[in-house]
């Protein structure tokens, strides 16, 4: 009898042990949290000022890499790319393997001319490695982008009004400039328009079209970029006198181009048939809705929601810090015309840049002079911005770029 009881107890023990050995095949309590976090986050790269440069006292340590929770919009730190001087504006290669930054240097020292830096990026470790840097062919490079083919980097220099193209080499590093165009100076006596000031250069409309926005000469200049990286000037679009064009955005489905006037806080809407036709002005909208005889408000960035239904622009109060906001517009899906919805306080000083996350759910604002990135939720029906309460401290943020 005792022997039978022992056998029964032994059998029960084996059965219990076997069943418990099967348990680890089910998800543990930690596994789903880790996997969910990976699925629900996006990488955000932040360009900054690291030292005093003209109008701003930079305090940052380099290019910050953050992670955004796609459910809440909260930002957390991932890494920092250091040993960079004023890596103000950024662009990420469509393959996700390379990052490029302009080093915005303009101190009149010939040895300190602006540069363009290239980095490789490992998505598995979220680490970047410096590859090389080349001359930006001008002072104060303020914008960088990649052409539609992914073969060339395009750069705009604010001081001197030059734009250049660079070959992307096999390892992601940059070759020397292929061509540099110098924009002609206008004979006018207007603040900040006494000389050429290239402020943006981007591809658009057709695969070989490139558009350079020049605040100083009050024009958007169109170039044709050939297979060798040469840029040939094709024409220009002149803005309303005194507008001071800074940035532009193309509608994702309509033949419309929106040009942001920094100096008169305007958005000029142009329609076109294709990249070679004349651009016709169809509307001028105001980003503030108030009189500004003292030139208090300057605009900075313009972005269109991925669904094409909403457009946003940032207002910077450069004199009294009373109007720092994001202007919100409804876009007519047939005509492309804008309806002003109002402004949302940026919850900081000098909203230099902002970005809409790839899902179109959040809009993040880089408040340069209050060292913060503020997350807003976008109302999918109205386009209005709603506060989330999430504010991330980042020193002198200038540019925001999501890894697509």
Protein backbone atom coordinates (compact mmCIF):
# COMPACT_ATOMS: atom_id res chain seq x y z
CA UNK A 1 0.00 0.00 0.00
CA UNK A 2 2.80 2.40 0.88
CA UNK A 3 4.52 1.49 -2.39
CA UNK A 4 1.37 2.28 -4.38
CA UNK A 5 1.03 5.66 -2.66
CA UNK A 6 4.67 6.41 -3.50
CA UNK A 7 4.02 5.54 -7.17
CA UNK A 8 0.95 7.74 -7.22
CA UNK A 9 2.83 10.65 -5.68
CA UNK A 10 5.68 10.18 -8.18
CA UNK A 11 3.25 10.09 -11.12
CA UNK A 12 1.55 13.26 -9.89
CA UNK A 13 4.93 14.99 -9.56
CA UNK A 14 5.97 14.02 -13.12
CA UNK A 15 2.63 15.15 -14.55
CA UNK A 16 2.78 18.47 -12.67
CA UNK A 17 6.38 19.07 -13.76
CA UNK A 18 5.60 18.25 -17.40
CA UNK A 19 2.62 20.64 -17.50
CA UNK A 20 4.67 23.42 -15.96
CA UNK A 21 7.44 22.84 -18.50
CA UNK A 22 4.87 23.61 -21.21
CA UNK A 23 4.01 27.01 -19.69
CA UNK A 24 6.94 29.02 -21.13
CA UNK A 25 5.56 28.46 -24.65
CA UNK A 26 2.90 31.03 -23.74
CA UNK A 27 3.85 34.74 -23.73
CA UNK A 28 5.43 35.90 -20.50
CA UNK A 29 4.26 39.09 -18.83
CA UNK A 30 7.29 41.03 -20.13
CA UNK A 31 7.28 39.85 -23.76
CA UNK A 32 4.14 41.57 -25.05
CA UNK A 33 5.10 44.91 -23.46
CA UNK A 34 8.48 44.91 -25.18
CA UNK A 35 7.07 43.95 -28.58
CA UNK A 36 4.20 46.46 -28.33
CA UNK A 37 6.62 49.27 -27.54
CA UNK A 38 8.62 48.51 -30.67
CA UNK A 39 5.48 48.49 -32.79
CA UNK A 40 4.14 51.70 -31.28
CA UNK A 41 7.12 54.03 -31.52
CA UNK A 42 8.70 56.20 -34.19
CA UNK A 43 12.17 57.74 -34.30
CA UNK A 44 12.48 61.53 -34.37
CA UNK A 45 15.71 63.35 -35.24
CA UNK A 46 16.21 66.88 -33.91
CA UNK A 47 18.56 69.42 -35.50
CA UNK A 48 19.86 72.11 -33.12
CA UNK A 49 22.13 75.07 -32.50
CA UNK A 50 25.14 74.23 -30.37
CA UNK A 51 26.75 77.67 -30.09
CA UNK A 52 25.89 81.32 -30.50
CA UNK A 53 25.26 82.09 -34.14
CA UNK A 54 23.83 85.48 -35.05
CA UNK A 55 20.24 85.57 -33.86
CA UNK A 56 20.35 82.64 -31.43
CA UNK A 57 22.43 81.46 -28.48
CA UNK A 58 22.79 77.73 -29.11
CA UNK A 59 22.96 75.43 -26.07
CA UNK A 60 22.52 71.94 -27.53
CA UNK A 61 25.00 69.04 -27.66
CA UNK A 62 24.34 67.98 -31.25
CA UNK A 63 21.65 66.02 -33.09
CA UNK A 64 19.18 64.40 -30.72
CA UNK A 65 17.51 61.08 -31.50
CA UNK A 66 14.19 60.65 -29.72
CA UNK A 67 11.46 58.03 -29.70
CA UNK A 68 7.80 59.01 -29.93
CA UNK A 69 5.06 56.79 -28.52
CA UNK A 70 2.54 56.62 -31.36
CA UNK A 71 -0.35 56.09 -28.95
CA UNK A 72 0.28 59.09 -26.70
CA UNK A 73 2.79 61.32 -28.51
CA UNK A 74 5.20 61.26 -25.58
CA UNK A 75 8.91 61.67 -26.41
CA UNK A 76 11.82 59.86 -24.76
CA UNK A 77 15.56 60.18 -25.35
CA UNK A 78 17.42 57.54 -27.37
CA UNK A 79 20.85 58.94 -28.27
CA UNK A 80 22.80 62.09 -29.23
CA UNK A 81 25.14 62.63 -32.17
CA UNK A 82 27.84 64.86 -30.68
CA UNK A 83 30.88 66.74 -32.01
CA UNK A 84 28.77 68.74 -34.47
CA UNK A 85 28.62 72.53 -34.75
CA UNK A 86 25.11 73.88 -35.32
CA UNK A 87 23.62 70.85 -37.13
CA UNK A 88 20.53 72.95 -37.73
CA UNK A 89 18.62 71.32 -40.58
CA UNK A 90 18.44 67.61 -41.35
CA UNK A 91 17.29 65.18 -43.99
CA UNK A 92 17.07 61.38 -43.90
CA UNK A 93 17.68 59.20 -46.94
CA UNK A 94 14.58 57.24 -48.04
CA UNK A 95 16.47 53.98 -47.38
CA UNK A 96 16.80 54.94 -43.71
CA UNK A 97 20.53 54.22 -43.74
CA UNK A 98 21.93 57.74 -44.05
CA UNK A 99 21.41 61.09 -42.34
CA UNK A 100 22.62 64.46 -43.59
CA UNK A 101 22.92 67.76 -41.70
CA UNK A 102 23.99 71.28 -42.59
CA UNK A 103 26.41 72.84 -40.12
CA UNK A 104 25.11 76.39 -39.99
CA UNK A 105 28.26 78.45 -39.56
CA UNK A 106 28.45 82.12 -40.52
CA UNK A 107 31.09 84.02 -38.59
CA UNK A 108 32.99 85.68 -41.46
CA UNK A 109 36.01 83.46 -40.88
CA UNK A 110 37.13 81.84 -44.17
CA UNK A 111 38.18 78.73 -42.24
CA UNK A 112 34.72 78.39 -40.72
CA UNK A 113 32.63 78.25 -43.89
CA UNK A 114 29.48 76.17 -43.62
CA UNK A 115 29.63 72.43 -44.13
CA UNK A 116 27.37 69.48 -44.88
CA UNK A 117 27.86 66.36 -42.75
CA UNK A 118 26.96 62.76 -43.63
CA UNK A 119 26.20 59.94 -41.18
CA UNK A 120 25.36 56.27 -41.49
CA UNK A 121 22.51 55.04 -39.30
CA UNK A 122 21.91 51.57 -37.88
CA UNK A 123 18.19 51.02 -37.26
CA UNK A 124 18.93 47.97 -35.12
CA UNK A 125 20.98 49.88 -32.57
CA UNK A 126 19.65 53.40 -33.26
CA UNK A 127 23.24 54.57 -33.50
CA UNK A 128 24.72 56.98 -36.04
CA UNK A 129 28.31 57.11 -37.26
CA UNK A 130 29.97 60.15 -38.80
CA UNK A 131 31.09 59.55 -42.39
CA UNK A 132 32.45 62.85 -43.70
CA UNK A 133 31.81 66.55 -44.19
CA UNK A 134 32.18 68.77 -47.26
CA UNK A 135 31.95 72.51 -47.88
CA UNK A 136 28.43 73.85 -48.27
CA UNK A 137 29.76 76.38 -50.82
CA UNK A 138 28.48 79.30 -48.75
CA UNK A 139 27.87 80.71 -45.29
CA UNK A 140 24.97 79.84 -43.01
CA UNK A 141 23.67 76.74 -44.83
CA UNK A 142 20.08 76.52 -43.63
CA UNK A 143 18.39 73.72 -45.60
CA UNK A 144 19.25 70.28 -46.96
CA UNK A 145 17.21 67.72 -48.88
CA UNK A 146 17.59 64.66 -51.11
CA UNK A 147 16.47 64.57 -54.73
CA UNK A 148 13.76 62.22 -56.01
CA UNK A 149 16.29 59.66 -57.28
CA UNK A 150 18.04 59.39 -53.92
CA UNK A 151 21.40 60.01 -55.60
CA UNK A 152 22.04 63.66 -54.72
CA UNK A 153 21.97 65.95 -51.69
CA UNK A 154 20.77 69.52 -52.24
CA UNK A 155 21.84 72.44 -50.01
CA UNK A 156 20.77 76.10 -49.65
CA UNK A 157 23.08 78.74 -48.11
CA UNK A 158 21.36 81.75 -46.59
CA UNK A 159 24.40 84.05 -46.68
CA UNK A 160 25.45 84.58 -50.29
CA UNK A 161 22.26 83.06 -51.70
CA UNK A 162 23.83 79.92 -53.17
CA UNK A 163 22.40 76.46 -53.85
CA UNK A 164 24.48 73.35 -54.55
CA UNK A 165 24.14 69.66 -55.40
CA UNK A 166 26.33 66.81 -54.09
CA UNK A 167 26.72 63.16 -55.12
CA UNK A 168 25.85 60.50 -52.53
CA UNK A 169 28.65 57.94 -52.72
CA UNK A 170 28.28 54.16 -52.35
CA UNK A 171 28.87 54.22 -48.59
CA UNK A 172 26.50 57.17 -48.01
CA UNK A 173 29.26 59.76 -47.71
CA UNK A 174 29.23 62.92 -49.83
CA UNK A 175 31.43 63.87 -52.76
CA UNK A 176 32.39 67.46 -53.45
CA UNK A 177 29.84 69.87 -54.90
CA UNK A 178 28.84 69.14 -58.50
CA UNK A 179 27.46 72.59 -59.23
CA UNK A 180 26.76 75.80 -57.29
CA UNK A 181 24.36 78.52 -58.43
CA UNK A 182 24.60 82.05 -57.07
CA UNK A 183 21.30 83.92 -57.01
CA UNK A 184 21.38 87.46 -58.34
CA UNK A 185 21.05 90.39 -55.95
CA UNK A 186 18.03 92.69 -56.32
CA UNK A 187 18.33 96.48 -56.22
CA UNK A 188 15.85 97.09 -53.41
CA UNK A 189 15.97 98.82 -50.04
CA UNK A 190 13.92 96.40 -47.97
CA UNK A 191 15.00 94.76 -44.70
CA UNK A 192 16.56 91.33 -45.33
CA UNK A 193 15.95 91.68 -49.07
CA UNK A 194 19.01 93.74 -49.90
CA UNK A 195 20.79 90.55 -50.97
CA UNK A 196 20.01 87.00 -52.05
CA UNK A 197 19.17 84.63 -49.18
CA UNK A 198 18.45 81.07 -50.29
CA UNK A 199 16.35 79.49 -47.54
CA UNK A 200 15.17 76.15 -48.93
CA UNK A 201 15.82 73.72 -51.78
CA UNK A 202 13.58 70.70 -52.41
CA UNK A 203 12.58 68.28 -55.16
CA UNK A 204 9.00 68.46 -56.39
CA UNK A 205 6.34 67.78 -59.04
CA UNK A 206 8.47 65.78 -61.48
CA UNK A 207 11.42 63.51 -60.74
CA UNK A 208 13.99 65.97 -62.09
CA UNK A 209 12.43 69.22 -60.82
CA UNK A 210 14.08 71.16 -57.98
CA UNK A 211 12.72 74.31 -56.34
CA UNK A 212 14.87 76.84 -54.47
CA UNK A 213 13.13 79.38 -52.23
CA UNK A 214 15.04 82.67 -51.87
CA UNK A 215 13.84 85.16 -49.27
CA UNK A 216 16.17 87.94 -50.40
CA UNK A 217 15.26 88.07 -54.10
CA UNK A 218 11.59 87.32 -53.34
CA UNK A 219 11.43 84.38 -55.73
CA UNK A 220 11.08 80.63 -56.03
CA UNK A 221 13.56 79.45 -58.66
CA UNK A 222 12.99 76.22 -60.57
CA UNK A 223 15.89 74.03 -61.69
CA UNK A 224 16.14 70.88 -63.74
CA UNK A 225 18.39 68.28 -62.10
CA UNK A 226 19.91 65.88 -64.62
CA UNK A 227 21.30 62.39 -64.08
CA UNK A 228 24.79 63.74 -63.36
CA UNK A 229 23.65 66.11 -60.61
CA UNK A 230 23.90 69.26 -62.70
CA UNK A 231 21.17 71.83 -62.02
CA UNK A 232 19.97 73.96 -64.93
CA UNK A 233 17.83 77.00 -64.22
CA UNK A 234 14.41 76.74 -65.88
CA UNK A 235 12.50 79.76 -64.56
CA UNK A 236 11.31 81.66 -61.53
CA UNK A 237 8.13 82.54 -59.65
CA UNK A 238 7.95 86.01 -58.11
CA UNK A 239 6.07 86.50 -54.85
CA UNK A 240 4.10 89.53 -53.66
CA UNK A 241 6.54 92.36 -52.99
CA UNK A 242 7.91 92.15 -49.45
CA UNK A 243 6.69 88.60 -48.84
CA UNK A 244 10.16 87.16 -48.26
CA UNK A 245 9.48 83.52 -49.25
CA UNK A 246 11.04 81.07 -46.81
CA UNK A 247 9.60 77.57 -47.31
CA UNK A 248 7.09 75.85 -49.58
CA UNK A 249 4.95 72.72 -49.66
CA UNK A 250 3.28 70.78 -52.47
CA UNK A 251 -0.18 69.29 -52.11
CA UNK A 252 -0.02 65.47 -52.17
CA UNK A 253 -2.75 65.05 -54.83
CA UNK A 254 -3.69 68.46 -56.28
CA UNK A 255 -1.55 70.58 -58.62
CA UNK A 256 -1.00 73.22 -55.97
CA UNK A 257 2.11 74.79 -54.46
CA UNK A 258 1.95 76.76 -51.19
CA UNK A 259 4.72 79.31 -50.53
CA UNK A 260 5.17 80.73 -47.03
CA UNK A 261 6.13 84.42 -46.82
CA UNK A 262 8.28 84.91 -43.73
CA UNK A 263 8.21 88.71 -43.70
CA UNK A 264 4.49 89.35 -44.27
CA UNK A 265 3.12 86.12 -42.67
CA UNK A 266 1.36 85.04 -45.85
CA UNK A 267 0.73 81.84 -47.79
CA UNK A 268 0.54 82.25 -51.56
CA UNK A 269 -1.22 79.41 -53.39
CA UNK A 270 -0.18 78.66 -56.97
CA UNK A 271 -1.79 76.25 -59.41
CA UNK A 272 -0.05 74.54 -62.30
CA UNK A 273 -0.69 71.86 -64.92
CA UNK A 274 2.74 70.24 -64.83
CA UNK A 275 6.26 71.08 -63.78
CA UNK A 276 7.04 73.04 -66.94
CA UNK A 277 3.98 75.30 -67.06
CA UNK A 278 3.62 78.76 -65.62
CA UNK A 279 2.50 78.95 -62.00
CA UNK A 280 -0.67 80.98 -61.51
CA UNK A 281 -1.36 82.74 -58.22
CA UNK A 282 -4.88 81.87 -57.07
CA UNK A 283 -4.97 82.92 -53.41
CA UNK A 284 -3.10 84.82 -50.71
CA UNK A 285 -3.91 83.80 -47.13
CA UNK A 286 -2.74 85.31 -43.85
CA UNK A 287 -1.31 83.13 -41.08
CA UNK A 288 -2.15 85.52 -38.28
CA UNK A 289 -5.28 87.41 -39.22
CA UNK A 290 -4.16 90.68 -37.63
CA UNK A 291 -2.50 93.92 -38.69
CA UNK A 292 1.27 93.88 -38.26
CA UNK A 293 2.64 97.28 -39.20
CA UNK A 294 5.66 96.83 -36.92
CA UNK A 295 6.73 93.56 -38.52
CA UNK A 296 6.36 91.73 -35.23
CA UNK A 297 5.45 88.28 -36.58
CA UNK A 298 7.69 86.26 -38.90
CA UNK A 299 6.75 82.85 -40.26
CA UNK A 300 9.07 79.83 -40.27
CA UNK A 301 7.68 76.46 -41.41
CA UNK A 302 4.81 75.16 -43.52
CA UNK A 303 3.51 71.57 -43.72
CA UNK A 304 0.53 69.78 -45.26
CA UNK A 305 -1.21 66.90 -43.53
CA UNK A 306 -0.65 63.54 -45.31
CA UNK A 307 -4.38 63.38 -46.13
CA UNK A 308 -4.17 66.73 -47.96
CA UNK A 309 -7.11 68.18 -46.00
CA UNK A 310 -5.22 70.46 -43.61
CA UNK A 311 -2.27 72.86 -43.79
CA UNK A 312 -0.23 74.38 -40.97
CA UNK A 313 2.33 77.20 -40.65
CA UNK A 314 4.30 78.58 -37.71
CA UNK A 315 4.25 82.18 -36.50
CA UNK A 316 7.21 83.57 -34.53
CA UNK A 317 6.97 86.75 -32.50
CA UNK A 318 10.43 88.25 -32.87
CA UNK A 319 9.81 91.37 -30.78
CA UNK A 320 7.44 90.85 -27.86
CA UNK A 321 6.98 87.07 -27.40
CA UNK A 322 3.20 87.45 -27.45
CA UNK A 323 2.41 85.56 -30.67
CA UNK A 324 4.10 82.19 -31.01
CA UNK A 325 1.66 79.88 -32.68
CA UNK A 326 0.71 77.35 -35.33
CA UNK A 327 -1.75 78.66 -37.91
CA UNK A 328 -4.32 76.06 -39.00
CA UNK A 329 -6.08 75.90 -42.37
CA UNK A 330 -8.69 73.72 -44.02
CA UNK A 331 -7.76 72.78 -47.60
CA UNK A 332 -10.52 72.57 -50.21
CA UNK A 333 -10.02 69.10 -51.71
CA UNK A 334 -11.14 70.29 -55.17
CA UNK A 335 -9.67 73.78 -55.54
CA UNK A 336 -6.83 73.60 -53.02
CA UNK A 337 -7.85 76.96 -51.55
CA UNK A 338 -7.29 77.60 -47.85
CA UNK A 339 -9.76 78.51 -45.12
CA UNK A 340 -8.20 79.96 -41.97
CA UNK A 341 -9.27 78.02 -38.86
CA UNK A 342 -7.34 80.00 -36.26
CA UNK A 343 -4.09 79.65 -34.35
CA UNK A 344 -2.88 77.35 -31.60
CA UNK A 345 -0.39 78.71 -29.06
CA UNK A 346 2.88 76.78 -29.50
CA UNK A 347 3.38 76.64 -25.72
CA UNK A 348 6.87 78.04 -26.12
CA UNK A 349 9.00 80.75 -27.72
CA UNK A 350 9.95 80.95 -31.42
CA UNK A 351 8.39 77.84 -33.02
CA UNK A 352 11.22 77.48 -35.53
CA UNK A 353 9.99 74.20 -36.99
CA UNK A 354 7.26 71.61 -36.55
CA UNK A 355 6.53 68.22 -38.01
CA UNK A 356 3.53 65.95 -38.55
CA UNK A 357 4.23 62.32 -37.67
CA UNK A 358 3.89 59.78 -40.52
CA UNK A 359 0.52 58.54 -39.26
CA UNK A 360 -0.91 62.07 -39.30
CA UNK A 361 -2.01 61.74 -35.69
CA UNK A 362 0.35 64.20 -33.99
CA UNK A 363 2.01 67.54 -34.72
CA UNK A 364 5.22 68.30 -32.83
CA UNK A 365 6.53 71.85 -32.41
CA UNK A 366 10.19 72.79 -31.88
CA UNK A 367 10.21 75.94 -29.73
CA UNK A 368 13.75 77.19 -30.30
CA UNK A 369 14.04 79.86 -27.61
CA UNK A 370 12.28 77.98 -24.80
CA UNK A 371 14.18 74.72 -25.35
CA UNK A 372 11.17 72.46 -25.83
CA UNK A 373 9.34 70.15 -28.19
CA UNK A 374 5.59 70.16 -27.59
CA UNK A 375 3.28 67.41 -28.81
CA UNK A 376 -0.20 68.27 -30.09
CA UNK A 377 -2.85 65.81 -31.24
CA UNK A 378 -4.50 66.54 -34.60
CA UNK A 379 -8.28 66.28 -34.64
CA UNK A 380 -8.82 64.01 -37.65
CA UNK A 381 -12.20 65.60 -38.48
CA UNK A 382 -11.53 69.30 -37.99
CA UNK A 383 -7.74 69.58 -38.29
CA UNK A 384 -7.59 71.58 -35.07
CA UNK A 385 -4.71 70.99 -32.67
CA UNK A 386 -5.36 69.64 -29.19
CA UNK A 387 -2.94 69.74 -26.25
CA UNK A 388 -1.61 66.40 -25.02
CA UNK A 389 0.34 67.75 -22.05
CA UNK A 390 3.58 66.21 -23.32
CA UNK A 391 6.56 68.60 -23.41
CA UNK A 392 10.12 67.36 -23.95
CA UNK A 393 13.06 69.53 -22.92
CA UNK A 394 15.51 69.81 -25.82
CA UNK A 395 18.06 72.61 -26.06
CA UNK A 396 17.58 75.09 -28.96
CA UNK A 397 15.70 72.76 -31.33
CA UNK A 398 15.65 73.93 -34.96
CA UNK A 399 14.47 71.05 -37.16
CA UNK A 400 12.35 67.93 -36.66
CA UNK A 401 12.52 64.89 -38.95
CA UNK A 402 10.76 61.54 -38.50
CA UNK A 403 12.31 58.35 -39.80
CA UNK A 404 9.83 57.38 -42.53
